[in-house]
PDB file of N, CA and C in Angstrom:
ATOM      1  N   MET A   1     -68.676  35.175  51.435  1.00  0.00           N
ATOM      2  CA  MET A   1     -69.527  35.993  52.340  1.00  0.00           C
ATOM      3  C   MET A   1     -70.723  36.540  51.459  1.00  0.00           C
ATOM      4  N   ASN A   2     -71.901  36.382  52.061  1.00  0.00           N
ATOM      5  CA  ASN A   2     -73.017  36.809  51.287  1.00  0.00           C
ATOM      6  C   ASN A   2     -73.313  38.312  51.580  1.00  0.00           C
ATOM      7  N   LYS A   3     -74.334  38.818  50.945  1.00  0.00           N
ATOM      8  CA  LYS A   3     -74.738  40.241  50.994  1.00  0.00           C
ATOM      9  C   LYS A   3     -75.205  40.649  52.354  1.00  0.00           C
ATOM     10  N   THR A   4     -75.887  39.728  53.048  1.00  0.00           N
ATOM     11  CA  THR A   4     -76.375  40.051  54.391  1.00  0.00           C
ATOM     12  C   THR A   4     -75.245  40.289  55.362  1.00  0.00           C
ATOM     13  N   TRP A   5     -74.244  39.428  55.314  1.00  0.00           N
ATOM     14  CA  TRP A   5     -73.090  39.559  56.191  1.00  0.00           C
ATOM     15  C   TRP A   5     -72.302  40.815  55.808  1.00  0.00           C
ATOM     16  N   ALA A   6     -72.257  41.150  54.539  1.00  0.00           N
ATOM     17  CA  ALA A   6     -71.608  42.371  54.180  1.00  0.00           C
ATOM     18  C   ALA A   6     -72.318  43.575  54.736  1.00  0.00           C
ATOM     19  N   SER A   7     -73.611  43.549  54.898  1.00  0.00           N
ATOM     20  CA  SER A   7     -74.398  44.594  55.513  1.00  0.00           C
ATOM     21  C   SER A   7     -74.009  44.709  56.987  1.00  0.00           C
ATOM     22  N   VAL A   8     -73.817  43.589  57.661  1.00  0.00           N
ATOM     23  CA  VAL A   8     -73.455  43.668  59.094  1.00  0.00           C
ATOM     24  C   VAL A   8     -72.060  44.295  59.201  1.00  0.00           C
ATOM     25  N   ILE A   9     -71.136  43.947  58.323  1.00  0.00           N
ATOM     26  CA  ILE A   9     -69.810  44.512  58.393  1.00  0.00           C
ATOM     27  C   ILE A   9     -69.857  45.991  58.070  1.00  0.00           C
ATOM     28  N   ALA A  10     -70.598  46.417  57.051  1.00  0.00           N
ATOM     29  CA  ALA A  10     -70.800  47.812  56.709  1.00  0.00           C
ATOM     30  C   ALA A  10     -71.432  48.577  57.887  1.00  0.00           C
ATOM     31  N   ALA A  11     -72.358  47.973  58.529  1.00  0.00           N
ATOM     32  CA  ALA A  11     -73.036  48.634  59.738  1.00  0.00           C
ATOM     33  C   ALA A  11     -71.987  48.835  60.807  1.00  0.00           C
ATOM     34  N   ALA A  12     -71.158  47.885  61.014  1.00  0.00           N
ATOM     35  CA  ALA A  12     -70.107  48.009  62.051  1.00  0.00           C
ATOM     36  C   ALA A  12     -69.106  49.117  61.681  1.00  0.00           C
ATOM     37  N   ILE A  13     -68.770  49.290  60.411  1.00  0.00           N
ATOM     38  CA  ILE A  13     -67.921  50.361  60.021  1.00  0.00           C
ATOM     39  C   ILE A  13     -68.554  51.651  60.274  1.00  0.00           C
ATOM     40  N   PHE A  14     -69.805  51.822  59.886  1.00  0.00           N
ATOM     41  CA  PHE A  14     -70.503  52.998  60.221  1.00  0.00           C
ATOM     42  C   PHE A  14     -70.600  53.304  61.728  1.00  0.00           C
ATOM     43  N   GLU A  15     -70.697  52.247  62.496  1.00  0.00           N
ATOM     44  CA  GLU A  15     -70.703  52.395  63.923  1.00  0.00           C
ATOM     45  C   GLU A  15     -69.394  53.019  64.470  1.00  0.00           C
ATOM     46  N   VAL A  16     -68.265  52.630  63.904  1.00  0.00           N
ATOM     47  CA  VAL A  16     -66.982  53.211  64.228  1.00  0.00           C
ATOM     48  C   VAL A  16     -67.011  54.702  63.943  1.00  0.00           C
ATOM     49  N   PHE A  17     -67.521  55.089  62.793  1.00  0.00           N
ATOM     50  CA  PHE A  17     -67.602  56.543  62.497  1.00  0.00           C
ATOM     51  C   PHE A  17     -68.471  57.280  63.441  1.00  0.00           C
ATOM     52  N   TRP A  18     -69.682  56.758  63.764  1.00  0.00           N
ATOM     53  CA  TRP A  18     -70.530  57.541  64.659  1.00  0.00           C
ATOM     54  C   TRP A  18     -70.004  57.571  66.098  1.00  0.00           C
ATOM     55  N   VAL A  19     -69.386  56.521  66.561  1.00  0.00           N
ATOM     56  CA  VAL A  19     -68.838  56.558  67.882  1.00  0.00           C
ATOM     57  C   VAL A  19     -67.738  57.606  68.014  1.00  0.00           C
ATOM     58  N   ILE A  20     -66.853  57.605  67.007  1.00  0.00           N
ATOM     59  CA  ILE A  20     -65.823  58.625  66.992  1.00  0.00           C
ATOM     60  C   ILE A  20     -66.444  60.026  66.854  1.00  0.00           C
ATOM     61  N   GLY A  21     -67.443  60.130  66.042  1.00  0.00           N
ATOM     62  CA  GLY A  21     -68.154  61.422  65.881  1.00  0.00           C
ATOM     63  C   GLY A  21     -68.760  61.898  67.159  1.00  0.00           C
ATOM     64  N   LEU A  22     -69.317  61.027  67.968  1.00  0.00           N
ATOM     65  CA  LEU A  22     -69.867  61.459  69.229  1.00  0.00           C
ATOM     66  C   LEU A  22     -68.851  62.022  70.163  1.00  0.00           C
ATOM     67  N   LYS A  23     -67.628  61.544  70.042  1.00  0.00           N
ATOM     68  CA  LYS A  23     -66.622  62.059  70.938  1.00  0.00           C
ATOM     69  C   LYS A  23     -65.870  63.248  70.396  1.00  0.00           C
ATOM     70  N   HIS A  24     -65.720  63.362  69.034  1.00  0.00           N
ATOM     71  CA  HIS A  24     -64.914  64.420  68.500  1.00  0.00           C
ATOM     72  C   HIS A  24     -65.628  65.530  67.663  1.00  0.00           C
ATOM     73  N   ALA A  25     -66.936  65.337  67.407  1.00  0.00           N
ATOM     74  CA  ALA A  25     -67.580  66.329  66.549  1.00  0.00           C
ATOM     75  C   ALA A  25     -67.825  67.626  67.295  1.00  0.00           C
ATOM     76  N   ASP A  26     -67.547  68.722  66.622  1.00  0.00           N
ATOM     77  CA  ASP A  26     -67.798  70.073  67.215  1.00  0.00           C
ATOM     78  C   ASP A  26     -68.278  71.081  66.235  1.00  0.00           C
ATOM     79  N   SER A  27     -68.722  70.674  65.047  1.00  0.00           N
ATOM     80  CA  SER A  27     -69.313  71.598  64.147  1.00  0.00           C
ATOM     81  C   SER A  27     -70.586  70.993  63.538  1.00  0.00           C
ATOM     82  N   PHE A  28     -71.364  71.820  62.876  1.00  0.00           N
ATOM     83  CA  PHE A  28     -72.654  71.376  62.322  1.00  0.00           C
ATOM     84  C   PHE A  28     -72.446  70.194  61.402  1.00  0.00           C
ATOM     85  N   TRP A  29     -71.460  70.321  60.462  1.00  0.00           N
ATOM     86  CA  TRP A  29     -71.211  69.291  59.500  1.00  0.00           C
ATOM     87  C   TRP A  29     -70.709  67.976  60.134  1.00  0.00           C
ATOM     88  N   GLU A  30     -69.902  68.108  61.181  1.00  0.00           N
ATOM     89  CA  GLU A  30     -69.432  66.873  61.877  1.00  0.00           C
ATOM     90  C   GLU A  30     -70.572  66.178  62.558  1.00  0.00           C
ATOM     91  N   TRP A  31     -71.516  66.972  63.131  1.00  0.00           N
ATOM     92  CA  TRP A  31     -72.622  66.331  63.857  1.00  0.00           C
ATOM     93  C   TRP A  31     -73.591  65.711  62.785  1.00  0.00           C
ATOM     94  N   GLY A  32     -73.664  66.388  61.627  1.00  0.00           N
ATOM     95  CA  GLY A  32     -74.522  65.883  60.522  1.00  0.00           C
ATOM     96  C   GLY A  32     -73.954  64.605  60.057  1.00  0.00           C
ATOM     97  N   GLY A  33     -72.615  64.476  59.898  1.00  0.00           N
ATOM     98  CA  GLY A  33     -72.062  63.235  59.491  1.00  0.00           C
ATOM     99  C   GLY A  33     -72.181  62.141  60.487  1.00  0.00           C
ATOM    100  N   THR A  34     -72.170  62.506  61.811  1.00  0.00           N
ATOM    101  CA  THR A  34     -72.336  61.505  62.882  1.00  0.00           C
ATOM    102  C   THR A  34     -73.771  61.015  62.827  1.00  0.00           C
ATOM    103  N   ALA A  35     -74.762  61.864  62.644  1.00  0.00           N
ATOM    104  CA  ALA A  35     -76.136  61.497  62.598  1.00  0.00           C
ATOM    105  C   ALA A  35     -76.389  60.597  61.387  1.00  0.00           C
ATOM    106  N   THR A  36     -75.759  60.871  60.229  1.00  0.00           N
ATOM    107  CA  THR A  36     -75.895  60.079  59.042  1.00  0.00           C
ATOM    108  C   THR A  36     -75.275  58.700  59.280  1.00  0.00           C
ATOM    109  N   ALA A  37     -74.163  58.587  59.883  1.00  0.00           N
ATOM    110  CA  ALA A  37     -73.545  57.353  60.204  1.00  0.00           C
ATOM    111  C   ALA A  37     -74.415  56.539  61.110  1.00  0.00           C
ATOM    112  N   ILE A  38     -75.047  57.172  62.133  1.00  0.00           N
ATOM    113  CA  ILE A  38     -75.953  56.437  63.012  1.00  0.00           C
ATOM    114  C   ILE A  38     -77.151  55.832  62.305  1.00  0.00           C
ATOM    115  N   PHE A  39     -77.670  56.649  61.327  1.00  0.00           N
ATOM    116  CA  PHE A  39     -78.821  56.189  60.539  1.00  0.00           C
ATOM    117  C   PHE A  39     -78.348  54.962  59.688  1.00  0.00           C
ATOM    118  N   PHE A  40     -77.320  55.048  58.925  1.00  0.00           N
ATOM    119  CA  PHE A  40     -76.887  53.944  58.064  1.00  0.00           C
ATOM    120  C   PHE A  40     -76.498  52.735  58.880  1.00  0.00           C
ATOM    121  N   SER A  41     -75.857  52.928  60.004  1.00  0.00           N
ATOM    122  CA  SER A  41     -75.417  51.845  60.838  1.00  0.00           C
ATOM    123  C   SER A  41     -76.575  50.996  61.260  1.00  0.00           C
ATOM    124  N   PHE A  42     -77.563  51.651  61.851  1.00  0.00           N
ATOM    125  CA  PHE A  42     -78.763  50.906  62.341  1.00  0.00           C
ATOM    126  C   PHE A  42     -79.638  50.405  61.244  1.00  0.00           C
ATOM    127  N   TYR A  43     -79.732  51.160  60.184  1.00  0.00           N
ATOM    128  CA  TYR A  43     -80.530  50.645  59.010  1.00  0.00           C
ATOM    129  C   TYR A  43     -79.925  49.351  58.483  1.00  0.00           C
ATOM    130  N   LEU A  44     -78.653  49.364  58.264  1.00  0.00           N
ATOM    131  CA  LEU A  44     -77.982  48.131  57.743  1.00  0.00           C
ATOM    132  C   LEU A  44     -78.093  46.943  58.679  1.00  0.00           C
ATOM    133  N   MET A  45     -77.975  47.253  60.021  1.00  0.00           N
ATOM    134  CA  MET A  45     -78.089  46.169  60.990  1.00  0.00           C
ATOM    135  C   MET A  45     -79.506  45.681  61.041  1.00  0.00           C
ATOM    136  N   ILE A  46     -80.502  46.504  60.975  1.00  0.00           N
ATOM    137  CA  ILE A  46     -81.905  46.039  61.006  1.00  0.00           C
ATOM    138  C   ILE A  46     -82.229  45.233  59.814  1.00  0.00           C
ATOM    139  N   MET A  47     -81.749  45.666  58.616  1.00  0.00           N
ATOM    140  CA  MET A  47     -82.004  44.912  57.383  1.00  0.00           C
ATOM    141  C   MET A  47     -81.325  43.498  57.484  1.00  0.00           C
ATOM    142  N   ALA A  48     -80.101  43.408  57.986  1.00  0.00           N
ATOM    143  CA  ALA A  48     -79.500  42.095  58.162  1.00  0.00           C
ATOM    144  C   ALA A  48     -80.246  41.212  59.116  1.00  0.00           C
ATOM    145  N   ALA A  49     -80.811  41.823  60.148  1.00  0.00           N
ATOM    146  CA  ALA A  49     -81.499  41.044  61.134  1.00  0.00           C
ATOM    147  C   ALA A  49     -82.833  40.402  60.658  1.00  0.00           C
ATOM    148  N   ARG A  50     -83.239  40.863  59.467  1.00  0.00           N
ATOM    149  CA  ARG A  50     -84.483  40.240  58.886  1.00  0.00           C
ATOM    150  C   ARG A  50     -84.175  38.847  58.370  1.00  0.00           C
ATOM    151  N   SER A  51     -82.918  38.532  58.046  1.00  0.00           N
ATOM    152  CA  SER A  51     -82.646  37.239  57.470  1.00  0.00           C
ATOM    153  C   SER A  51     -81.586  36.438  58.278  1.00  0.00           C
ATOM    154  N   LEU A  52     -80.989  37.006  59.295  1.00  0.00           N
ATOM    155  CA  LEU A  52     -80.078  36.333  60.172  1.00  0.00           C
ATOM    156  C   LEU A  52     -80.578  36.442  61.605  1.00  0.00           C
ATOM    157  N   PRO A  53     -80.196  35.533  62.432  1.00  0.00           N
ATOM    158  CA  PRO A  53     -80.582  35.580  63.836  1.00  0.00           C
ATOM    159  C   PRO A  53     -80.228  36.915  64.470  1.00  0.00           C
ATOM    160  N   VAL A  54     -81.224  37.617  65.129  1.00  0.00           N
ATOM    161  CA  VAL A  54     -80.999  38.925  65.716  1.00  0.00           C
ATOM    162  C   VAL A  54     -79.839  38.933  66.663  1.00  0.00           C
ATOM    163  N   GLY A  55     -79.793  38.016  67.553  1.00  0.00           N
ATOM    164  CA  GLY A  55     -78.751  37.998  68.595  1.00  0.00           C
ATOM    165  C   GLY A  55     -77.350  37.848  67.914  1.00  0.00           C
ATOM    166  N   THR A  56     -77.202  37.085  66.909  1.00  0.00           N
ATOM    167  CA  THR A  56     -75.912  36.951  66.229  1.00  0.00           C
ATOM    168  C   THR A  56     -75.591  38.266  65.465  1.00  0.00           C
ATOM    169  N   VAL A  57     -76.555  38.873  64.819  1.00  0.00           N
ATOM    170  CA  VAL A  57     -76.301  40.098  64.114  1.00  0.00           C
ATOM    171  C   VAL A  57     -75.816  41.195  65.099  1.00  0.00           C
ATOM    172  N   TYR A  58     -76.538  41.270  66.213  1.00  0.00           N
ATOM    173  CA  TYR A  58     -76.196  42.301  67.212  1.00  0.00           C
ATOM    174  C   TYR A  58     -74.797  42.047  67.789  1.00  0.00           C
ATOM    175  N   ALA A  59     -74.531  40.810  68.135  1.00  0.00           N
ATOM    176  CA  ALA A  59     -73.217  40.514  68.766  1.00  0.00           C
ATOM    177  C   ALA A  59     -72.089  40.764  67.733  1.00  0.00           C
ATOM    178  N   VAL A  60     -72.244  40.394  66.514  1.00  0.00           N
ATOM    179  CA  VAL A  60     -71.188  40.701  65.507  1.00  0.00           C
ATOM    180  C   VAL A  60     -71.030  42.197  65.262  1.00  0.00           C
ATOM    181  N   PHE A  61     -72.199  42.907  65.138  1.00  0.00           N
ATOM    182  CA  PHE A  61     -72.240  44.344  64.987  1.00  0.00           C
ATOM    183  C   PHE A  61     -71.453  45.063  66.124  1.00  0.00           C
ATOM    184  N   VAL A  62     -71.781  44.750  67.307  1.00  0.00           N
ATOM    185  CA  VAL A  62     -71.185  45.359  68.465  1.00  0.00           C
ATOM    186  C   VAL A  62     -69.693  44.945  68.606  1.00  0.00           C
ATOM    187  N   GLY A  63     -69.408  43.680  68.370  1.00  0.00           N
ATOM    188  CA  GLY A  63     -68.039  43.200  68.495  1.00  0.00           C
ATOM    189  C   GLY A  63     -67.140  43.839  67.451  1.00  0.00           C
ATOM    190  N   LEU A  64     -67.545  43.879  66.195  1.00  0.00           N
ATOM    191  CA  LEU A  64     -66.716  44.480  65.176  1.00  0.00           C
ATOM    192  C   LEU A  64     -66.618  46.010  65.372  1.00  0.00           C
ATOM    193  N   GLY A  65     -67.705  46.566  65.841  1.00  0.00           N
ATOM    194  CA  GLY A  65     -67.760  48.058  66.055  1.00  0.00           C
ATOM    195  C   GLY A  65     -66.802  48.381  67.221  1.00  0.00           C
ATOM    196  N   THR A  66     -66.792  47.609  68.266  1.00  0.00           N
ATOM    197  CA  THR A  66     -65.921  47.822  69.386  1.00  0.00           C
ATOM    198  C   THR A  66     -64.438  47.720  68.992  1.00  0.00           C
ATOM    199  N   ALA A  67     -64.172  46.652  68.302  1.00  0.00           N
ATOM    200  CA  ALA A  67     -62.767  46.366  67.826  1.00  0.00           C
ATOM    201  C   ALA A  67     -62.310  47.508  66.879  1.00  0.00           C
ATOM    202  N   GLY A  68     -63.153  47.880  65.984  1.00  0.00           N
ATOM    203  CA  GLY A  68     -62.851  48.957  65.072  1.00  0.00           C
ATOM    204  C   GLY A  68     -62.611  50.314  65.698  1.00  0.00           C
ATOM    205  N   THR A  69     -63.427  50.589  66.729  1.00  0.00           N
ATOM    206  CA  THR A  69     -63.347  51.898  67.432  1.00  0.00           C
ATOM    207  C   THR A  69     -62.055  51.903  68.250  1.00  0.00           C
ATOM    208  N   VAL A  70     -61.708  50.844  68.947  1.00  0.00           N
ATOM    209  CA  VAL A  70     -60.403  50.800  69.686  1.00  0.00           C
ATOM    210  C   VAL A  70     -59.240  50.967  68.729  1.00  0.00           C
ATOM    211  N   LEU A  71     -59.247  50.195  67.628  1.00  0.00           N
ATOM    212  CA  LEU A  71     -58.173  50.321  66.671  1.00  0.00           C
ATOM    213  C   LEU A  71     -58.085  51.719  66.040  1.00  0.00           C
ATOM    214  N   ALA A  72     -59.207  52.368  65.705  1.00  0.00           N
ATOM    215  CA  ALA A  72     -59.249  53.702  65.156  1.00  0.00           C
ATOM    216  C   ALA A  72     -58.693  54.700  66.199  1.00  0.00           C
ATOM    217  N   GLU A  73     -59.043  54.532  67.436  1.00  0.00           N
ATOM    218  CA  GLU A  73     -58.537  55.405  68.488  1.00  0.00           C
ATOM    219  C   GLU A  73     -56.996  55.339  68.566  1.00  0.00           C
ATOM    220  N   ILE A  74     -56.438  54.074  68.445  1.00  0.00           N
ATOM    221  CA  ILE A  74     -55.023  53.896  68.501  1.00  0.00           C
ATOM    222  C   ILE A  74     -54.344  54.457  67.311  1.00  0.00           C
ATOM    223  N   VAL A  75     -54.859  54.231  66.084  1.00  0.00           N
ATOM    224  CA  VAL A  75     -54.273  54.659  64.840  1.00  0.00           C
ATOM    225  C   VAL A  75     -54.480  56.149  64.556  1.00  0.00           C
ATOM    226  N   LEU A  76     -55.636  56.675  64.740  1.00  0.00           N
ATOM    227  CA  LEU A  76     -55.944  58.056  64.436  1.00  0.00           C
ATOM    228  C   LEU A  76     -55.736  59.008  65.518  1.00  0.00           C
ATOM    229  N   PHE A  77     -55.875  58.601  66.754  1.00  0.00           N
ATOM    230  CA  PHE A  77     -55.848  59.596  67.878  1.00  0.00           C
ATOM    231  C   PHE A  77     -54.781  59.277  68.902  1.00  0.00           C
ATOM    232  N   ASP A  78     -53.870  58.454  68.541  1.00  0.00           N
ATOM    233  CA  ASP A  78     -52.649  58.067  69.371  1.00  0.00           C
ATOM    234  C   ASP A  78     -53.030  57.614  70.771  1.00  0.00           C
ATOM    235  N   ALA A  79     -54.105  56.835  70.859  1.00  0.00           N
ATOM    236  CA  ALA A  79     -54.474  56.250  72.188  1.00  0.00           C
ATOM    237  C   ALA A  79     -53.394  55.290  72.619  1.00  0.00           C
ATOM    238  N   GLU A  80     -53.266  55.128  73.883  1.00  0.00           N
ATOM    239  CA  GLU A  80     -52.271  54.233  74.483  1.00  0.00           C
ATOM    240  C   GLU A  80     -52.509  52.763  74.018  1.00  0.00           C
ATOM    241  N   VAL A  81     -51.423  52.103  73.544  1.00  0.00           N
ATOM    242  CA  VAL A  81     -51.552  50.739  73.191  1.00  0.00           C
ATOM    243  C   VAL A  81     -51.173  49.854  74.377  1.00  0.00           C
ATOM    244  N   GLN A  82     -52.115  49.029  74.790  1.00  0.00           N
ATOM    245  CA  GLN A  82     -51.806  48.135  75.930  1.00  0.00           C
ATOM    246  C   GLN A  82     -51.987  46.696  75.461  1.00  0.00           C
ATOM    247  N   LEU A  83     -51.067  45.822  75.828  1.00  0.00           N
ATOM    248  CA  LEU A  83     -51.143  44.448  75.416  1.00  0.00           C
ATOM    249  C   LEU A  83     -52.416  43.801  75.805  1.00  0.00           C
ATOM    250  N   SER A  84     -52.936  44.116  77.042  1.00  0.00           N
ATOM    251  CA  SER A  84     -54.119  43.469  77.561  1.00  0.00           C
ATOM    252  C   SER A  84     -55.331  43.888  76.657  1.00  0.00           C
ATOM    253  N   LYS A  85     -55.369  45.174  76.189  1.00  0.00           N
ATOM    254  CA  LYS A  85     -56.418  45.648  75.381  1.00  0.00           C
ATOM    255  C   LYS A  85     -56.411  44.866  74.028  1.00  0.00           C
ATOM    256  N   ILE A  86     -55.239  44.689  73.432  1.00  0.00           N
ATOM    257  CA  ILE A  86     -55.102  43.958  72.143  1.00  0.00           C
ATOM    258  C   ILE A  86     -55.556  42.476  72.327  1.00  0.00           C
ATOM    259  N   VAL A  87     -55.138  41.898  73.430  1.00  0.00           N
ATOM    260  CA  VAL A  87     -55.522  40.489  73.686  1.00  0.00           C
ATOM    261  C   VAL A  87     -57.089  40.352  73.747  1.00  0.00           C
ATOM    262  N   PHE A  88     -57.663  41.276  74.504  1.00  0.00           N
ATOM    263  CA  PHE A  88     -59.130  41.207  74.615  1.00  0.00           C
ATOM    264  C   PHE A  88     -59.848  41.515  73.286  1.00  0.00           C
ATOM    265  N   ILE A  89     -59.313  42.355  72.509  1.00  0.00           N
ATOM    266  CA  ILE A  89     -59.867  42.614  71.160  1.00  0.00           C
ATOM    267  C   ILE A  89     -59.826  41.302  70.313  1.00  0.00           C
ATOM    268  N   VAL A  90     -58.630  40.611  70.386  1.00  0.00           N
ATOM    269  CA  VAL A  90     -58.473  39.419  69.589  1.00  0.00           C
ATOM    270  C   VAL A  90     -59.488  38.360  70.099  1.00  0.00           C
ATOM    271  N   VAL A  91     -59.689  38.196  71.403  1.00  0.00           N
ATOM    272  CA  VAL A  91     -60.619  37.279  71.955  1.00  0.00           C
ATOM    273  C   VAL A  91     -61.998  37.618  71.491  1.00  0.00           C
ATOM    274  N   LEU A  92     -62.307  38.927  71.474  1.00  0.00           N
ATOM    275  CA  LEU A  92     -63.609  39.373  71.037  1.00  0.00           C
ATOM    276  C   LEU A  92     -63.928  39.023  69.570  1.00  0.00           C
ATOM    277  N   LEU A  93     -62.841  39.198  68.729  1.00  0.00           N
ATOM    278  CA  LEU A  93     -62.976  38.887  67.329  1.00  0.00           C
ATOM    279  C   LEU A  93     -63.114  37.452  67.063  1.00  0.00           C
ATOM    280  N   ILE A  94     -62.433  36.603  67.880  1.00  0.00           N
ATOM    281  CA  ILE A  94     -62.556  35.122  67.810  1.00  0.00           C
ATOM    282  C   ILE A  94     -64.010  34.743  68.051  1.00  0.00           C
ATOM    283  N   GLY A  95     -64.608  35.344  69.062  1.00  0.00           N
ATOM    284  CA  GLY A  95     -66.077  35.135  69.346  1.00  0.00           C
ATOM    285  C   GLY A  95     -66.962  35.548  68.222  1.00  0.00           C
ATOM    286  N   VAL A  96     -66.689  36.638  67.656  1.00  0.00           N
ATOM    287  CA  VAL A  96     -67.456  37.150  66.514  1.00  0.00           C
ATOM    288  C   VAL A  96     -67.416  36.185  65.303  1.00  0.00           C
ATOM    289  N   VAL A  97     -66.204  35.708  65.018  1.00  0.00           N
ATOM    290  CA  VAL A  97     -66.001  34.745  63.926  1.00  0.00           C
ATOM    291  C   VAL A  97     -66.715  33.420  64.250  1.00  0.00           C
ATOM    292  N   GLY A  98     -66.683  32.985  65.500  1.00  0.00           N
ATOM    293  CA  GLY A  98     -67.359  31.831  65.901  1.00  0.00           C
ATOM    294  C   GLY A  98     -68.809  31.929  65.726  1.00  0.00           C
ATOM    295  N   LEU A  99     -69.418  33.039  66.098  1.00  0.00           N
ATOM    296  CA  LEU A  99     -70.827  33.263  65.930  1.00  0.00           C
ATOM    297  C   LEU A  99     -71.200  33.231  64.436  1.00  0.00           C
ATOM    298  N   LYS A 100     -70.423  33.867  63.618  1.00  0.00           N
ATOM    299  CA  LYS A 100     -70.707  33.838  62.177  1.00  0.00           C
ATOM    300  C   LYS A 100     -70.665  32.451  61.652  1.00  0.00           C
ATOM    301  N   LEU A 101     -69.640  31.670  62.038  1.00  0.00           N
ATOM    302  CA  LEU A 101     -69.478  30.249  61.549  1.00  0.00           C
ATOM    303  C   LEU A 101     -70.692  29.409  62.017  1.00  0.00           C
ATOM    304  N   LEU A 102     -71.186  29.625  63.273  1.00  0.00           N
ATOM    305  CA  LEU A 102     -72.314  28.867  63.748  1.00  0.00           C
ATOM    306  C   LEU A 102     -73.556  29.197  62.961  1.00  0.00           C
ATOM    307  N   SER A 103     -73.726  30.478  62.653  1.00  0.00           N
ATOM    308  CA  SER A 103     -74.946  30.859  61.910  1.00  0.00           C
ATOM    309  C   SER A 103     -74.860  30.276  60.480  1.00  0.00           C
ATOM    310  N   MET A 104     -73.679  30.213  59.899  1.00  0.00           N
ATOM    311  CA  MET A 104     -73.545  29.604  58.536  1.00  0.00           C
ATOM    312  C   MET A 104     -73.872  28.146  58.627  1.00  0.00           C
ATOM    313  N   GLU A 105     -73.468  27.512  59.703  1.00  0.00           N
ATOM    314  CA  GLU A 105     -73.605  26.039  59.846  1.00  0.00           C
ATOM    315  C   GLU A 105     -75.089  25.638  59.937  1.00  0.00           C
ATOM    316  N   LYS A 106     -75.849  26.470  60.562  1.00  0.00           N
ATOM    317  CA  LYS A 106     -77.297  26.179  60.669  1.00  0.00           C
ATOM    318  C   LYS A 106     -78.095  26.590  59.450  1.00  0.00           C
ATOM    319  N   GLY A 107     -77.530  27.400  58.581  1.00  0.00           N
ATOM    320  CA  GLY A 107     -78.108  27.760  57.318  1.00  0.00           C
ATOM    321  C   GLY A 107     -79.449  28.494  57.533  1.00  0.00           C
ATOM    322  N   ASN A 108     -80.508  28.188  56.793  1.00  0.00           N
ATOM    323  CA  ASN A 108     -81.719  28.874  56.866  1.00  0.00           C
ATOM    324  C   ASN A 108     -82.658  28.347  57.964  1.00  0.00           C
ATOM    325  N   GLU A 109     -82.109  27.332  58.666  1.00  0.00           N
ATOM    326  CA  GLU A 109     -82.938  26.702  59.741  1.00  0.00           C
ATOM    327  C   GLU A 109     -83.374  27.724  60.748  1.00  0.00           C
ATOM    328  N   VAL A 110     -82.480  28.627  61.142  1.00  0.00           N
ATOM    329  CA  VAL A 110     -82.726  29.644  62.191  1.00  0.00           C
ATOM    330  C   VAL A 110     -83.600  30.762  61.617  1.00  0.00           C
ATOM    331  N   SER A 111     -83.358  31.194  60.408  1.00  0.00           N
ATOM    332  CA  SER A 111     -84.071  32.349  59.830  1.00  0.00           C
ATOM    333  C   SER A 111     -85.348  32.027  59.097  1.00  0.00           C
ATOM    334  N   GLY A 112     -85.646  30.752  58.852  1.00  0.00           N
ATOM    335  CA  GLY A 112     -86.853  30.349  58.182  1.00  0.00           C
ATOM    336  C   GLY A 112     -88.054  30.342  59.058  1.00  0.00           C
ATOM    337  N   GLU A 113     -88.680  31.520  59.230  1.00  0.00           N
ATOM    338  CA  GLU A 113     -89.793  31.602  60.143  1.00  0.00           C
ATOM    339  C   GLU A 113     -91.137  31.453  59.490  1.00  0.00           C
TER     340      GLU A 113
END
């Protein structure tokens, strides 16, 4: 995995933090952490989109962020575990991996503008 894909994954991790923060923050410091996570999330995603296809970056960012948020809600906040929810998360992650593999297959062809 190269540095650019690591940025996309880090952006998705920050996305999980800010989405949880939007729901659960109730103090100045929690809102500050949420705002910081938003900044880093979008900064890393924008930097990755400079060398990878924008659509692929966004799809992977949102897919990983969605899966991470659902899993964090289950693990940290005792959200209800539903088999259908887990199946759809797995399908989503399969799509994300497929997009990553396709962008690796094309190499610099797509990003060489």
